[in-house]
Amino acid sequence: MERMRVKSGNLRAIGYDESAQILEIVFHRGGIYRYFGVPKKIYDGLMKSQSSYERYHDRYIKNRYRHEKI
């Protein structure tokens, strides 16, 4: 999966596989998290929230989708 680097205090890069609905987030403090069953509209919202990727992640992704640390 191709990831795009983002300018954020906590997130380093974001990737998305639309056909599988898998979102990957690379964090600066270590760890890559893969979220399953994430609709494209959530990914699009995250990418548009450039002023606060962390806030969008906390509000709409974290603890809402099954995930694993890879």
N, C-alpha and C. Protein backbone atom coordinates (compact mmCIF):
# COMPACT_ATOMS: atom_id res chain seq x y z
N MET A 1 0.85 -1.18 0.00
CA MET A 1 0.00 0.00 0.00
C MET A 1 0.89 1.24 0.00
N GLU A 2 0.59 2.16 -0.86
CA GLU A 2 1.34 3.41 -0.93
C GLU A 2 0.85 4.35 0.17
N ARG A 3 1.80 4.95 0.85
CA ARG A 3 1.44 5.90 1.92
C ARG A 3 1.91 7.29 1.55
N MET A 4 1.13 8.27 1.96
CA MET A 4 1.49 9.67 1.73
C MET A 4 1.99 10.27 3.04
N ARG A 5 3.14 10.93 2.98
CA ARG A 5 3.64 11.61 4.17
C ARG A 5 2.76 12.82 4.47
N VAL A 6 2.55 13.04 5.76
CA VAL A 6 1.74 14.19 6.18
C VAL A 6 2.53 14.99 7.20
N LYS A 7 2.23 16.27 7.27
CA LYS A 7 2.86 17.14 8.26
C LYS A 7 1.94 17.19 9.47
N SER A 8 2.37 16.53 10.52
CA SER A 8 1.54 16.40 11.69
C SER A 8 2.44 16.16 12.90
N GLY A 9 1.99 16.56 14.06
CA GLY A 9 2.76 16.34 15.27
C GLY A 9 2.84 14.88 15.66
N ASN A 10 1.84 14.09 15.32
CA ASN A 10 1.78 12.71 15.77
C ASN A 10 1.77 11.70 14.62
N LEU A 11 1.19 12.05 13.50
CA LEU A 11 1.08 11.13 12.36
C LEU A 11 2.18 11.43 11.35
N ARG A 12 2.79 10.38 10.82
CA ARG A 12 3.87 10.55 9.85
C ARG A 12 3.39 10.32 8.43
N ALA A 13 2.56 9.27 8.23
CA ALA A 13 2.10 8.92 6.88
C ALA A 13 0.76 8.21 6.97
N ILE A 14 0.01 8.28 5.86
CA ILE A 14 -1.33 7.68 5.78
C ILE A 14 -1.45 6.97 4.45
N GLY A 15 -1.99 5.76 4.50
CA GLY A 15 -2.25 4.99 3.28
C GLY A 15 -3.65 4.43 3.31
N TYR A 16 -4.19 4.15 2.13
CA TYR A 16 -5.56 3.62 2.08
C TYR A 16 -5.71 2.70 0.87
N ASP A 17 -6.32 1.56 1.10
CA ASP A 17 -6.66 0.61 0.03
C ASP A 17 -8.18 0.62 -0.07
N GLU A 18 -8.68 1.29 -1.10
CA GLU A 18 -10.13 1.47 -1.23
C GLU A 18 -10.86 0.15 -1.45
N SER A 19 -10.31 -0.75 -2.26
CA SER A 19 -11.01 -2.00 -2.55
C SER A 19 -11.13 -2.89 -1.31
N ALA A 20 -10.13 -2.84 -0.42
CA ALA A 20 -10.17 -3.64 0.81
C ALA A 20 -10.67 -2.85 2.01
N GLN A 21 -10.85 -1.55 1.85
CA GLN A 21 -11.26 -0.64 2.93
C GLN A 21 -10.32 -0.73 4.13
N ILE A 22 -9.01 -0.68 3.83
CA ILE A 22 -8.00 -0.73 4.88
C ILE A 22 -7.26 0.61 4.92
N LEU A 23 -7.20 1.17 6.10
CA LEU A 23 -6.50 2.43 6.34
C LEU A 23 -5.26 2.11 7.17
N GLU A 24 -4.11 2.64 6.76
CA GLU A 24 -2.88 2.48 7.53
C GLU A 24 -2.39 3.86 7.96
N ILE A 25 -2.01 3.95 9.21
CA ILE A 25 -1.46 5.19 9.75
C ILE A 25 -0.13 4.89 10.41
N VAL A 26 0.89 5.64 10.01
CA VAL A 26 2.22 5.53 10.60
C VAL A 26 2.37 6.68 11.58
N PHE A 27 2.70 6.36 12.82
CA PHE A 27 2.85 7.36 13.86
C PHE A 27 4.33 7.69 14.08
N HIS A 28 4.62 8.93 14.44
CA HIS A 28 6.00 9.36 14.68
C HIS A 28 6.62 8.58 15.84
N ARG A 29 5.87 8.29 16.83
CA ARG A 29 6.42 7.65 18.04
C ARG A 29 6.49 6.13 17.90
N GLY A 30 6.46 5.68 16.68
CA GLY A 30 6.57 4.24 16.45
C GLY A 30 5.23 3.60 16.24
N GLY A 31 5.23 2.64 15.42
CA GLY A 31 4.02 1.88 15.21
C GLY A 31 3.28 2.26 13.95
N ILE A 32 2.85 1.23 13.30
CA ILE A 32 1.98 1.36 12.14
C ILE A 32 0.69 0.64 12.50
N TYR A 33 -0.41 1.33 12.36
CA TYR A 33 -1.70 0.74 12.68
C TYR A 33 -2.51 0.57 11.41
N ARG A 34 -3.13 -0.58 11.31
CA ARG A 34 -3.98 -0.91 10.16
C ARG A 34 -5.42 -1.02 10.68
N TYR A 35 -6.31 -0.25 10.07
CA TYR A 35 -7.73 -0.22 10.45
C TYR A 35 -8.55 -0.86 9.34
N PHE A 36 -9.49 -1.72 9.73
CA PHE A 36 -10.26 -2.49 8.77
C PHE A 36 -11.70 -1.99 8.65
N GLY A 37 -12.24 -2.09 7.44
CA GLY A 37 -13.63 -1.70 7.20
C GLY A 37 -13.87 -0.21 7.22
N VAL A 38 -12.84 0.56 6.87
CA VAL A 38 -12.94 2.02 6.90
C VAL A 38 -13.47 2.52 5.55
N PRO A 39 -14.64 3.16 5.55
CA PRO A 39 -15.20 3.68 4.30
C PRO A 39 -14.33 4.79 3.71
N LYS A 40 -14.40 4.95 2.40
CA LYS A 40 -13.60 5.97 1.72
C LYS A 40 -13.91 7.37 2.24
N LYS A 41 -15.15 7.62 2.63
CA LYS A 41 -15.50 8.96 3.11
C LYS A 41 -14.75 9.30 4.41
N ILE A 42 -14.44 8.31 5.21
CA ILE A 42 -13.65 8.55 6.42
C ILE A 42 -12.21 8.87 6.05
N TYR A 43 -11.65 8.11 5.12
CA TYR A 43 -10.30 8.40 4.63
C TYR A 43 -10.24 9.80 4.01
N ASP A 44 -11.21 10.11 3.17
CA ASP A 44 -11.25 11.44 2.54
C ASP A 44 -11.32 12.54 3.60
N GLY A 45 -12.13 12.34 4.61
CA GLY A 45 -12.24 13.32 5.69
C GLY A 45 -10.92 13.50 6.42
N LEU A 46 -10.22 12.39 6.65
CA LEU A 46 -8.92 12.47 7.31
C LEU A 46 -7.94 13.27 6.47
N MET A 47 -7.91 13.00 5.19
CA MET A 47 -6.96 13.69 4.32
C MET A 47 -7.29 15.18 4.16
N LYS A 48 -8.55 15.54 4.32
CA LYS A 48 -8.95 16.95 4.23
C LYS A 48 -8.76 17.70 5.54
N SER A 49 -8.50 16.98 6.61
CA SER A 49 -8.38 17.62 7.94
C SER A 49 -6.95 18.01 8.24
N GLN A 50 -6.28 18.59 7.27
CA GLN A 50 -4.86 18.88 7.37
C GLN A 50 -4.48 19.70 8.60
N SER A 51 -5.37 20.51 9.09
CA SER A 51 -5.03 21.33 10.25
C SER A 51 -4.97 20.50 11.53
N SER A 52 -5.63 19.35 11.55
CA SER A 52 -5.58 18.51 12.73
C SER A 52 -5.90 17.05 12.40
N TYR A 53 -4.91 16.36 11.84
CA TYR A 53 -5.08 14.94 11.56
C TYR A 53 -5.37 14.17 12.86
N GLU A 54 -4.67 14.54 13.93
CA GLU A 54 -4.84 13.83 15.20
C GLU A 54 -6.26 13.93 15.72
N ARG A 55 -6.83 15.12 15.65
CA ARG A 55 -8.19 15.31 16.15
C ARG A 55 -9.18 14.48 15.34
N TYR A 56 -9.03 14.45 14.02
CA TYR A 56 -9.91 13.65 13.17
C TYR A 56 -9.74 12.17 13.50
N HIS A 57 -8.50 11.73 13.64
CA HIS A 57 -8.23 10.34 13.99
C HIS A 57 -8.90 9.98 15.31
N ASP A 58 -8.72 10.82 16.32
CA ASP A 58 -9.30 10.54 17.63
C ASP A 58 -10.83 10.52 17.59
N ARG A 59 -11.42 11.39 16.81
CA ARG A 59 -12.88 11.53 16.79
C ARG A 59 -13.57 10.48 15.91
N TYR A 60 -12.99 10.15 14.76
CA TYR A 60 -13.71 9.32 13.78
C TYR A 60 -13.11 7.94 13.50
N ILE A 61 -11.89 7.70 13.98
CA ILE A 61 -11.23 6.42 13.62
C ILE A 61 -10.86 5.61 14.86
N LYS A 62 -10.14 6.21 15.77
CA LYS A 62 -9.66 5.51 16.96
C LYS A 62 -10.82 4.89 17.73
N ASN A 63 -10.67 3.62 18.08
CA ASN A 63 -11.67 2.85 18.84
C ASN A 63 -13.00 2.67 18.12
N ARG A 64 -13.06 2.95 16.82
CA ARG A 64 -14.30 2.76 16.05
C ARG A 64 -14.19 1.64 15.03
N TYR A 65 -12.96 1.28 14.69
CA TYR A 65 -12.73 0.24 13.68
C TYR A 65 -11.78 -0.81 14.25
N ARG A 66 -12.00 -2.04 13.84
CA ARG A 66 -11.09 -3.11 14.22
C ARG A 66 -9.71 -2.74 13.68
N HIS A 67 -8.69 -2.97 14.49
CA HIS A 67 -7.34 -2.56 14.05
C HIS A 67 -6.30 -3.53 14.59
N GLU A 68 -5.11 -3.41 14.01
CA GLU A 68 -3.97 -4.18 14.49
C GLU A 68 -2.73 -3.32 14.33
N LYS A 69 -1.77 -3.55 15.20
CA LYS A 69 -0.48 -2.89 15.08
C LYS A 69 0.41 -3.81 14.26
N ILE A 70 1.03 -3.26 13.21
CA ILE A 70 1.88 -4.10 12.36
C ILE A 70 3.33 -3.64 12.43
